[in-house]
Amino acid sequence: AIANAMRANQLSLRRHWTYLATLAAAYAEDAQFDKAVDWQTKAIELATNHSDMESLRNRLELYKQGKPYRQEPKKP
């Protein structure tokens, strides 16, 4: 997941927050929380929509607490 997210960031020239947030989530899932915090912070800097920024900040707090971000599957 980390390698794929890194590649997506390279292809986007690190200009889109969603790829940065994905990389942060991958690092957090791998218990590399310092890197997750760094990338999530960069994602927040690029986000422009208020609701996106709020969600990104919530994830950042999880990473600072040493917890990964996980989406619950949508129920049919």
C-alpha atoms as a PDB file:
ATOM      1  CA  ALA A   1       0.000   0.000   0.000  1.00  0.00           C
ATOM      2  CA  ILE A   2       2.842   2.368   0.812  1.00  0.00           C
ATOM      3  CA  ALA A   3       4.588   1.747  -2.511  1.00  0.00           C
ATOM      4  CA  ASN A   4       1.371   2.266  -4.472  1.00  0.00           C
ATOM      5  CA  ALA A   5       0.529   5.476  -2.609  1.00  0.00           C
ATOM      6  CA  MET A   6       4.057   6.774  -3.135  1.00  0.00           C
ATOM      7  CA  ARG A   7       3.766   6.090  -6.862  1.00  0.00           C
ATOM      8  CA  ALA A   8       0.413   7.885  -7.045  1.00  0.00           C
ATOM      9  CA  ASN A   9       2.014  10.878  -5.325  1.00  0.00           C
ATOM     10  CA  GLN A  10       4.873  10.877  -7.804  1.00  0.00           C
ATOM     11  CA  LEU A  11       2.500  10.767 -10.764  1.00  0.00           C
ATOM     12  CA  SER A  12       0.434  13.637  -9.368  1.00  0.00           C
ATOM     13  CA  LEU A  13       3.594  15.636  -8.597  1.00  0.00           C
ATOM     14  CA  ARG A  14       2.394  15.740  -4.968  1.00  0.00           C
ATOM     15  CA  ARG A  15      -0.274  18.264  -5.873  1.00  0.00           C
ATOM     16  CA  HIS A  16      -3.420  16.481  -4.741  1.00  0.00           C
ATOM     17  CA  TRP A  17      -4.256  16.036  -1.077  1.00  0.00           C
ATOM     18  CA  THR A  18      -6.097  12.742  -1.554  1.00  0.00           C
ATOM     19  CA  TYR A  19      -2.930  10.919  -2.562  1.00  0.00           C
ATOM     20  CA  LEU A  20      -1.022  12.432   0.334  1.00  0.00           C
ATOM     21  CA  ALA A  21      -3.753  11.375   2.757  1.00  0.00           C
ATOM     22  CA  THR A  22      -3.710   7.881   1.282  1.00  0.00           C
ATOM     23  CA  LEU A  23       0.025   7.669   1.838  1.00  0.00           C
ATOM     24  CA  ALA A  24      -0.445   8.866   5.413  1.00  0.00           C
ATOM     25  CA  ALA A  25      -3.082   6.187   6.002  1.00  0.00           C
ATOM     26  CA  ALA A  26      -0.778   3.518   4.587  1.00  0.00           C
ATOM     27  CA  TYR A  27       2.046   4.586   6.893  1.00  0.00           C
ATOM     28  CA  ALA A  28      -0.310   4.599   9.874  1.00  0.00           C
ATOM     29  CA  GLU A  29      -1.530   1.120   9.019  1.00  0.00           C
ATOM     30  CA  ASP A  30       2.133   0.056   9.041  1.00  0.00           C
ATOM     31  CA  ALA A  31       2.567   1.699  12.488  1.00  0.00           C
ATOM     32  CA  GLN A  32       4.869   4.389  11.067  1.00  0.00           C
ATOM     33  CA  PHE A  33       2.949   7.154  12.776  1.00  0.00           C
ATOM     34  CA  ASP A  34       5.628   9.854  12.502  1.00  0.00           C
ATOM     35  CA  LYS A  35       5.546   9.543   8.722  1.00  0.00           C
ATOM     36  CA  ALA A  36       1.752   9.389   8.797  1.00  0.00           C
ATOM     37  CA  VAL A  37       1.634  12.673  10.709  1.00  0.00           C
ATOM     38  CA  ASP A  38       4.057  14.313   8.254  1.00  0.00           C
ATOM     39  CA  TRP A  39       2.109  13.285   5.163  1.00  0.00           C
ATOM     40  CA  GLN A  40      -1.261  14.041   6.709  1.00  0.00           C
ATOM     41  CA  THR A  41      -0.060  17.528   7.603  1.00  0.00           C
ATOM     42  CA  LYS A  42       0.957  18.060   3.974  1.00  0.00           C
ATOM     43  CA  ALA A  43      -2.452  16.815   2.825  1.00  0.00           C
ATOM     44  CA  ILE A  44      -4.162  19.347   5.086  1.00  0.00           C
ATOM     45  CA  GLU A  45      -2.040  22.130   3.597  1.00  0.00           C
ATOM     46  CA  LEU A  46      -3.299  21.259   0.099  1.00  0.00           C
ATOM     47  CA  ALA A  47      -6.972  20.730   0.930  1.00  0.00           C
ATOM     48  CA  THR A  48      -9.305  23.614   0.145  1.00  0.00           C
ATOM     49  CA  ASN A  49     -12.751  22.334   1.094  1.00  0.00           C
ATOM     50  CA  HIS A  50     -13.696  22.944   4.737  1.00  0.00           C
ATOM     51  CA  SER A  51     -15.390  19.563   5.220  1.00  0.00           C
ATOM     52  CA  ASP A  52     -12.367  17.775   3.720  1.00  0.00           C
ATOM     53  CA  MET A  53     -10.033  19.669   6.025  1.00  0.00           C
ATOM     54  CA  GLU A  54     -12.095  18.718   9.072  1.00  0.00           C
ATOM     55  CA  SER A  55     -11.938  15.040   8.154  1.00  0.00           C
ATOM     56  CA  LEU A  56      -8.209  15.292   7.485  1.00  0.00           C
ATOM     57  CA  ARG A  57      -7.600  16.932  10.849  1.00  0.00           C
ATOM     58  CA  ASN A  58      -9.544  14.151  12.576  1.00  0.00           C
ATOM     59  CA  ARG A  59      -7.295  11.591  10.905  1.00  0.00           C
ATOM     60  CA  LEU A  60      -4.230  13.564  11.943  1.00  0.00           C
ATOM     61  CA  GLU A  61      -5.340  13.327  15.572  1.00  0.00           C
ATOM     62  CA  LEU A  62      -5.683   9.546  15.223  1.00  0.00           C
ATOM     63  CA  TYR A  63      -2.131   9.282  13.901  1.00  0.00           C
ATOM     64  CA  LYS A  64      -0.813  11.445  16.728  1.00  0.00           C
ATOM     65  CA  GLN A  65      -2.475   8.995  19.150  1.00  0.00           C
ATOM     66  CA  GLY A  66      -0.834   6.042  17.421  1.00  0.00           C
ATOM     67  CA  LYS A  67      -4.026   4.813  15.769  1.00  0.00           C
ATOM     68  CA  PRO A  68      -4.629   4.016  12.089  1.00  0.00           C
ATOM     69  CA  TYR A  69      -7.534   5.425  10.095  1.00  0.00           C
ATOM     70  CA  ARG A  70      -9.979   2.821   8.898  1.00  0.00           C
ATOM     71  CA  GLN A  71     -13.196   3.287   6.970  1.00  0.00           C
ATOM     72  CA  GLU A  72     -16.063   1.048   7.902  1.00  0.00           C
ATOM     73  CA  PRO A  73     -17.578  -0.772   4.934  1.00  0.00           C
ATOM     74  CA  LYS A  74     -20.871   0.668   3.799  1.00  0.00           C
ATOM     75  CA  LYS A  75     -23.822  -1.514   4.582  1.00  0.00           C
ATOM     76  CA  PRO A  76     -25.917  -2.558   1.567  1.00  0.00           C
END
